[in-house]
Amino acid sequence: MERAAPIRERAESRGEALLDAHWRVRKATKGRLGGLSVRVHPPPNLLGVYVFLPDVV
């Protein structure tokens, strides 16, 4: 499904950011620097979209 491509790309981007954050924490705490991985399991599931609008009087 072509509409899922942006969601999949966002999931992969967030996965990379999560892995980078874990590496930074381990490096800062002098933890063991091995064995970390993050995998995206496609297709992504979209559970809900919430749009919050201001009250208009």
N, C-alpha and C. Protein backbone atom coordinates (compact mmCIF):
# COMPACT_ATOMS: atom_id res chain seq x y z
N MET A 1 0.84 -1.17 0.00
CA MET A 1 0.00 0.00 0.00
C MET A 1 0.89 1.24 0.00
N GLU A 2 0.68 2.10 -0.95
CA GLU A 2 1.53 3.26 -1.13
C GLU A 2 1.37 4.28 0.00
N ARG A 3 0.19 4.36 0.60
CA ARG A 3 -0.03 5.33 1.68
C ARG A 3 0.76 4.97 2.93
N ALA A 4 1.17 3.74 3.07
CA ALA A 4 1.91 3.31 4.26
C ALA A 4 3.39 3.68 4.18
N ALA A 5 3.88 4.05 3.01
CA ALA A 5 5.30 4.35 2.85
C ALA A 5 5.79 5.46 3.79
N PRO A 6 5.09 6.60 3.91
CA PRO A 6 5.56 7.63 4.83
C PRO A 6 5.57 7.17 6.29
N ILE A 7 4.60 6.35 6.65
CA ILE A 7 4.54 5.83 8.02
C ILE A 7 5.71 4.89 8.26
N ARG A 8 6.00 4.03 7.30
CA ARG A 8 7.13 3.10 7.42
C ARG A 8 8.44 3.87 7.51
N GLU A 9 8.60 4.92 6.68
CA GLU A 9 9.82 5.73 6.72
C GLU A 9 9.97 6.40 8.08
N ARG A 10 8.87 6.89 8.64
CA ARG A 10 8.91 7.53 9.96
C ARG A 10 9.28 6.51 11.03
N ALA A 11 8.74 5.30 10.94
CA ALA A 11 9.07 4.25 11.91
C ALA A 11 10.55 3.90 11.84
N GLU A 12 11.09 3.79 10.65
CA GLU A 12 12.52 3.50 10.50
C GLU A 12 13.37 4.63 11.05
N SER A 13 12.96 5.86 10.80
CA SER A 13 13.68 7.03 11.32
C SER A 13 13.67 7.05 12.84
N ARG A 14 12.52 6.77 13.44
CA ARG A 14 12.41 6.75 14.90
C ARG A 14 13.23 5.60 15.48
N GLY A 15 13.27 4.48 14.78
CA GLY A 15 14.09 3.35 15.24
C GLY A 15 15.57 3.71 15.26
N GLU A 16 16.03 4.40 14.22
CA GLU A 16 17.42 4.84 14.18
C GLU A 16 17.71 5.83 15.30
N ALA A 17 16.78 6.75 15.55
CA ALA A 17 16.97 7.73 16.63
C ALA A 17 17.01 7.03 17.99
N LEU A 18 16.18 6.02 18.17
CA LEU A 18 16.17 5.27 19.42
C LEU A 18 17.50 4.55 19.63
N LEU A 19 18.01 3.94 18.59
CA LEU A 19 19.30 3.25 18.69
C LEU A 19 20.42 4.24 19.02
N ASP A 20 20.41 5.39 18.35
CA ASP A 20 21.42 6.41 18.64
C ASP A 20 21.35 6.85 20.10
N ALA A 21 20.14 7.03 20.62
CA ALA A 21 19.97 7.44 22.01
C ALA A 21 20.53 6.38 22.96
N HIS A 22 20.28 5.11 22.67
CA HIS A 22 20.81 4.03 23.51
C HIS A 22 22.33 4.02 23.48
N TRP A 23 22.91 4.24 22.30
CA TRP A 23 24.38 4.27 22.21
C TRP A 23 24.94 5.42 23.04
N ARG A 24 24.29 6.59 22.98
CA ARG A 24 24.78 7.74 23.75
C ARG A 24 24.71 7.47 25.25
N VAL A 25 23.62 6.87 25.70
CA VAL A 25 23.49 6.56 27.13
C VAL A 25 24.55 5.56 27.56
N ARG A 26 24.74 4.52 26.78
CA ARG A 26 25.75 3.52 27.15
C ARG A 26 27.15 4.11 27.16
N LYS A 27 27.43 4.99 26.19
CA LYS A 27 28.75 5.61 26.14
C LYS A 27 28.94 6.55 27.34
N ALA A 28 27.91 7.33 27.68
CA ALA A 28 28.01 8.28 28.78
C ALA A 28 28.14 7.57 30.13
N THR A 29 27.53 6.41 30.26
CA THR A 29 27.59 5.67 31.52
C THR A 29 28.69 4.63 31.52
N LYS A 30 29.48 4.62 30.45
CA LYS A 30 30.57 3.65 30.29
C LYS A 30 30.06 2.21 30.35
N GLY A 31 28.87 2.02 29.84
CA GLY A 31 28.29 0.68 29.78
C GLY A 31 28.89 -0.12 28.65
N ARG A 32 28.57 -1.38 28.62
CA ARG A 32 29.07 -2.26 27.56
C ARG A 32 28.48 -1.81 26.22
N LEU A 33 29.34 -1.63 25.22
CA LEU A 33 28.90 -1.11 23.92
C LEU A 33 28.76 -2.23 22.90
N GLY A 34 27.90 -3.15 23.12
CA GLY A 34 27.70 -4.20 22.14
C GLY A 34 26.32 -4.81 22.26
N GLY A 35 25.89 -5.41 21.19
CA GLY A 35 24.65 -6.16 21.21
C GLY A 35 23.37 -5.36 21.09
N LEU A 36 23.47 -4.10 20.72
CA LEU A 36 22.25 -3.32 20.54
C LEU A 36 21.79 -3.38 19.10
N SER A 37 20.50 -3.50 18.92
CA SER A 37 19.92 -3.40 17.58
C SER A 37 18.46 -3.00 17.71
N VAL A 38 17.97 -2.34 16.69
CA VAL A 38 16.57 -1.95 16.61
C VAL A 38 16.07 -2.38 15.25
N ARG A 39 14.96 -3.09 15.22
CA ARG A 39 14.39 -3.53 13.95
C ARG A 39 12.94 -3.06 13.86
N VAL A 40 12.56 -2.59 12.70
CA VAL A 40 11.18 -2.26 12.42
C VAL A 40 10.56 -3.48 11.77
N HIS A 41 9.39 -3.86 12.26
CA HIS A 41 8.69 -5.02 11.70
C HIS A 41 7.52 -4.53 10.85
N PRO A 42 7.76 -4.37 9.54
CA PRO A 42 6.69 -3.85 8.68
C PRO A 42 5.60 -4.87 8.48
N PRO A 43 4.44 -4.50 8.12
CA PRO A 43 3.98 -3.14 7.92
C PRO A 43 3.62 -2.50 9.26
N PRO A 44 3.76 -1.18 9.36
CA PRO A 44 3.41 -0.50 10.61
C PRO A 44 1.90 -0.52 10.83
N ASN A 45 1.52 -0.59 12.09
CA ASN A 45 0.11 -0.54 12.44
C ASN A 45 -0.21 0.86 12.92
N LEU A 46 -1.19 1.46 12.33
CA LEU A 46 -1.63 2.78 12.74
C LEU A 46 -2.86 2.59 13.62
N LEU A 47 -2.70 2.86 14.91
CA LEU A 47 -3.77 2.61 15.86
C LEU A 47 -4.77 3.75 15.94
N GLY A 48 -4.33 4.95 15.74
CA GLY A 48 -5.25 6.08 15.82
C GLY A 48 -4.56 7.38 15.51
N VAL A 49 -5.34 8.31 15.08
CA VAL A 49 -4.86 9.66 14.82
C VAL A 49 -5.77 10.60 15.57
N TYR A 50 -5.18 11.45 16.38
CA TYR A 50 -5.95 12.40 17.16
C TYR A 50 -5.64 13.81 16.69
N VAL A 51 -6.66 14.57 16.44
CA VAL A 51 -6.50 15.97 16.06
C VAL A 51 -7.19 16.80 17.11
N PHE A 52 -6.43 17.62 17.80
CA PHE A 52 -6.97 18.47 18.85
C PHE A 52 -7.18 19.87 18.28
N LEU A 53 -8.41 20.32 18.31
CA LEU A 53 -8.75 21.64 17.79
C LEU A 53 -9.16 22.54 18.95
N PRO A 54 -8.83 23.83 18.88
CA PRO A 54 -9.24 24.72 19.94
C PRO A 54 -10.74 24.95 19.91
N ASP A 55 -11.31 25.24 21.09
CA ASP A 55 -12.73 25.60 21.14
C ASP A 55 -12.93 26.93 20.46
N VAL A 56 -13.92 27.01 19.63
CA VAL A 56 -14.23 28.27 18.95
C VAL A 56 -15.56 28.76 19.49
N VAL A 57 -15.56 29.98 19.97
CA VAL A 57 -16.78 30.54 20.58
C VAL A 57 -17.60 31.24 19.53
